[in-house]
Amino acid sequence: MTLTKITIVRINKEPLAKLLMEIKEFSLSEKYNSKEQKVIFLKYTKLPPRFILAAVISMTISASLYYVNGVKVGIQIAKQNNSMGYQLPYKTLEIIDLRDSKIYALICVYQIVIVPSIVFGYVGIDCMFVNLSVLIIAQFAILSDKVKEALNNSENYHEGIKKLVLRHYHLIRLAERLEDNFNIVIMQQLLGTTIHLCISGYHLLMVHK
């Protein structure tokens, strides 16, 4: 799943980069006319860092525990039956003999690189999607406050409403582009998670049978 997500994002890197820059410019160009609008923006921008921190920590712990458990199982198998050799924590094509403990240790050290690759490749894409989504939602919330402000202001009423309508249209287009860029990633996530749960459930039933 991680490799698939990285591949999809790699293919769509140019549209994603343009969307990221456009959302950034849109957020920075926004003029916050009141204290309420600043509070709204700050309230929403506090959410992504919390999500990123929780997601990265949980995935790091999960990937690290899987790696450590794989090393322990590999060593135990080698002790029980030395002719089978060691078993790597992440199964890869074995082109050399793994009965030598030094070679096994070196390959295990090399496979540590897979842990951050999984963390940043799998969680990083989700964090980017959440961050961009929250920024767009924040701008919608600020726009709603601006509409209330414009309705209560009789001066330049029509001009103010016209600008807000154009800004609303721009936000809708950004939201549509965000959906277009991430719909395949989300679909892959849902299908992949469903398949993983089915395989894990089947494996659990077979083990306890």
Protein backbone atom coordinates (compact mmCIF):
# COMPACT_ATOMS: atom_id res chain seq x y z
CA MET A 1 0.00 0.00 0.00
CA THR A 2 2.80 2.39 0.85
CA LEU A 3 4.52 1.84 -2.50
CA THR A 4 1.22 2.32 -4.34
CA LYS A 5 0.50 5.61 -2.57
CA ILE A 6 4.01 6.90 -3.25
CA THR A 7 3.68 5.92 -6.93
CA ILE A 8 0.31 7.68 -7.29
CA VAL A 9 1.63 10.87 -5.69
CA ARG A 10 4.78 10.66 -7.82
CA ILE A 11 2.68 10.51 -11.00
CA ASN A 12 0.53 13.47 -9.87
CA LYS A 13 3.41 15.51 -8.45
CA GLU A 14 3.02 18.52 -10.78
CA PRO A 15 -0.76 19.06 -10.23
CA LEU A 16 -0.23 18.55 -6.49
CA ALA A 17 2.62 21.08 -6.38
CA LYS A 18 0.49 23.67 -8.22
CA LEU A 19 -2.45 23.03 -5.89
CA LEU A 20 -0.23 23.31 -2.82
CA MET A 21 1.22 26.64 -3.96
CA GLU A 22 -2.21 27.99 -4.90
CA ILE A 23 -3.74 27.10 -1.51
CA LYS A 24 -0.72 28.63 0.22
CA GLU A 25 -1.01 31.88 -1.76
CA PHE A 26 -4.78 31.93 -1.23
CA SER A 27 -4.36 31.60 2.56
CA LEU A 28 -1.57 34.19 2.76
CA SER A 29 -3.41 36.72 0.59
CA GLU A 30 -6.49 36.58 2.83
CA LYS A 31 -7.08 39.75 4.86
CA TYR A 32 -8.50 39.01 8.28
CA ASN A 33 -10.64 42.04 9.08
CA SER A 34 -11.75 41.07 12.56
CA LYS A 35 -10.54 39.27 15.65
CA GLU A 36 -13.12 36.52 15.06
CA GLN A 37 -11.62 35.70 11.66
CA LYS A 38 -8.13 35.45 13.14
CA VAL A 39 -9.45 33.16 15.89
CA ILE A 40 -11.16 30.96 13.28
CA PHE A 41 -7.95 30.67 11.25
CA LEU A 42 -5.84 29.86 14.33
CA LYS A 43 -8.40 27.31 15.57
CA TYR A 44 -8.30 25.38 12.30
CA THR A 45 -4.53 25.62 11.79
CA LYS A 46 -3.95 23.99 15.19
CA LEU A 47 -5.62 20.77 14.04
CA PRO A 48 -3.13 19.50 11.36
CA PRO A 49 -0.03 19.54 13.64
CA ARG A 50 -1.89 17.48 16.25
CA PHE A 51 -3.03 14.98 13.63
CA ILE A 52 0.46 14.76 12.10
CA LEU A 53 2.07 14.21 15.51
CA ALA A 54 -0.40 11.49 16.51
CA ALA A 55 -0.23 9.75 13.11
CA VAL A 56 3.58 9.79 12.86
CA ILE A 57 4.08 8.58 16.44
CA SER A 58 1.54 5.75 16.15
CA MET A 59 2.86 4.59 12.77
CA THR A 60 6.49 4.78 13.98
CA ILE A 61 5.65 2.63 17.00
CA SER A 62 3.72 0.11 14.84
CA ALA A 63 6.45 -0.15 12.17
CA SER A 64 9.21 -0.41 14.80
CA LEU A 65 7.39 -3.13 16.76
CA TYR A 66 6.80 -5.09 13.55
CA TYR A 67 10.51 -4.81 12.69
CA VAL A 68 11.71 -5.82 16.17
CA ASN A 69 9.27 -8.73 16.31
CA GLY A 70 10.45 -9.86 12.86
CA VAL A 71 14.07 -9.89 14.03
CA LYS A 72 13.16 -11.87 17.17
CA VAL A 73 11.19 -14.45 15.17
CA GLY A 74 14.04 -14.74 12.63
CA ILE A 75 16.59 -15.44 15.36
CA GLN A 76 14.31 -17.96 17.09
CA ILE A 77 13.76 -19.87 13.83
CA ALA A 78 17.53 -20.00 13.23
CA LYS A 79 18.14 -21.33 16.76
CA GLN A 80 15.49 -24.03 16.38
CA ASN A 81 16.64 -25.14 12.94
CA ASN A 82 20.01 -23.81 11.81
CA SER A 83 19.68 -25.39 8.35
CA MET A 84 16.80 -23.02 7.53
CA GLY A 85 18.88 -19.95 8.26
CA TYR A 86 17.68 -16.62 9.60
CA GLN A 87 14.39 -15.01 8.60
CA LEU A 88 14.43 -11.32 7.70
CA PRO A 89 11.95 -8.94 9.38
CA TYR A 90 10.78 -7.73 5.95
CA LYS A 91 10.59 -10.55 3.43
CA THR A 92 12.71 -9.84 0.37
CA LEU A 93 14.32 -11.91 -2.36
CA GLU A 94 17.17 -13.85 -0.73
CA ILE A 95 20.16 -13.84 -3.08
CA ILE A 96 22.72 -14.77 -0.41
CA ASP A 97 22.96 -17.37 2.34
CA LEU A 98 21.36 -16.13 5.56
CA ARG A 99 22.84 -18.78 7.84
CA ASP A 100 25.74 -16.46 8.65
CA SER A 101 24.84 -14.27 11.65
CA LYS A 102 27.07 -11.36 10.50
CA ILE A 103 25.43 -11.18 7.06
CA TYR A 104 22.01 -11.41 8.70
CA ALA A 105 22.86 -8.54 11.08
CA LEU A 106 24.06 -6.33 8.20
CA ILE A 107 20.90 -6.96 6.15
CA CYS A 108 18.73 -6.24 9.22
CA VAL A 109 20.54 -2.92 9.67
CA TYR A 110 19.94 -2.17 5.99
CA GLN A 111 16.24 -2.98 6.37
CA ILE A 112 15.86 -0.37 9.14
CA VAL A 113 15.57 2.17 6.28
CA ILE A 114 12.21 0.59 5.43
CA VAL A 115 10.71 1.81 8.73
CA PRO A 116 10.98 5.58 8.00
CA SER A 117 10.03 4.88 4.37
CA ILE A 118 6.77 3.32 5.54
CA VAL A 119 6.12 6.07 8.10
CA PHE A 120 6.67 9.03 5.77
CA GLY A 121 5.40 7.32 2.62
CA TYR A 122 2.19 6.03 4.16
CA VAL A 123 1.35 8.64 6.80
CA GLY A 124 2.98 11.63 5.07
CA ILE A 125 0.53 11.56 2.16
CA ASP A 126 -2.44 11.36 4.55
CA CYS A 127 -1.03 14.27 6.56
CA MET A 128 -0.67 16.37 3.41
CA PHE A 129 -4.29 15.66 2.44
CA VAL A 130 -5.57 16.54 5.93
CA ASN A 131 -3.48 19.72 6.03
CA LEU A 132 -4.74 20.98 2.66
CA SER A 133 -8.33 20.03 3.50
CA VAL A 134 -8.23 21.89 6.82
CA LEU A 135 -6.79 25.00 5.15
CA ILE A 136 -9.66 25.04 2.63
CA ILE A 137 -12.23 24.43 5.39
CA ALA A 138 -10.72 27.30 7.38
CA GLN A 139 -11.12 29.63 4.40
CA PHE A 140 -14.77 28.57 4.03
CA ALA A 141 -15.36 29.35 7.72
CA ILE A 142 -13.68 32.76 7.36
CA LEU A 143 -15.72 33.44 4.23
CA SER A 144 -18.91 32.70 6.17
CA ASP A 145 -17.90 35.27 8.78
CA LYS A 146 -17.11 37.79 6.02
CA VAL A 147 -20.60 37.30 4.54
CA LYS A 148 -22.19 38.10 7.91
CA GLU A 149 -19.94 41.15 8.17
CA ALA A 150 -20.87 42.31 4.65
CA LEU A 151 -24.61 41.92 5.32
CA ASN A 152 -24.32 44.18 8.35
CA ASN A 153 -22.33 46.80 6.42
CA SER A 154 -24.41 49.04 4.16
CA GLU A 155 -21.37 50.77 2.59
CA ASN A 156 -20.11 49.16 -0.66
CA TYR A 157 -22.58 46.34 -0.09
CA HIS A 158 -22.80 45.12 -3.68
CA GLU A 159 -19.04 45.40 -4.30
CA GLY A 160 -18.29 43.46 -1.12
CA ILE A 161 -20.77 40.70 -1.96
CA LYS A 162 -19.33 40.43 -5.48
CA LYS A 163 -15.81 39.87 -4.10
CA LEU A 164 -17.10 37.27 -1.65
CA VAL A 165 -18.96 35.40 -4.41
CA LEU A 166 -15.78 35.28 -6.51
CA ARG A 167 -13.79 34.09 -3.52
CA HIS A 168 -16.40 31.43 -2.80
CA TYR A 169 -16.20 30.20 -6.39
CA HIS A 170 -12.40 30.06 -6.15
CA LEU A 171 -12.63 28.01 -2.94
CA ILE A 172 -15.05 25.56 -4.56
CA ARG A 173 -12.63 25.10 -7.47
CA LEU A 174 -9.75 24.46 -5.03
CA ALA A 175 -11.84 21.87 -3.17
CA GLU A 176 -12.70 20.13 -6.46
CA ARG A 177 -9.05 20.05 -7.51
CA LEU A 178 -8.09 18.64 -4.11
CA GLU A 179 -10.68 15.89 -4.55
CA ASP A 180 -9.50 15.15 -8.10
CA ASN A 181 -5.88 14.80 -6.96
CA PHE A 182 -6.59 12.58 -3.96
CA ASN A 183 -9.61 10.49 -4.99
CA ILE A 184 -7.42 7.64 -6.33
CA VAL A 185 -5.28 7.71 -3.17
CA ILE A 186 -8.39 7.56 -0.97
CA MET A 187 -9.90 4.73 -3.03
CA GLN A 188 -6.63 2.78 -2.84
CA GLN A 189 -6.55 3.38 0.93
CA LEU A 190 -10.08 2.05 1.43
CA LEU A 191 -9.60 -0.99 -0.81
CA GLY A 192 -6.15 -1.76 0.60
CA THR A 193 -7.34 -1.49 4.21
CA THR A 194 -10.31 -3.76 3.47
CA ILE A 195 -8.07 -6.38 1.84
CA HIS A 196 -5.59 -6.18 4.74
CA LEU A 197 -8.37 -6.69 7.30
CA CYS A 198 -9.70 -9.69 5.37
CA ILE A 199 -6.26 -11.30 5.09
CA SER A 200 -5.47 -10.60 8.77
CA GLY A 201 -8.82 -12.05 9.84
CA TYR A 202 -8.29 -15.17 7.73
CA HIS A 203 -4.76 -15.60 9.09
CA LEU A 204 -6.03 -15.21 12.68
CA LEU A 205 -8.74 -17.83 12.13
CA MET A 206 -6.28 -20.28 10.57
CA VAL A 207 -3.80 -19.85 13.44
CA HIS A 208 -6.40 -20.49 16.15
CA LYS A 209 -8.10 -23.31 14.24
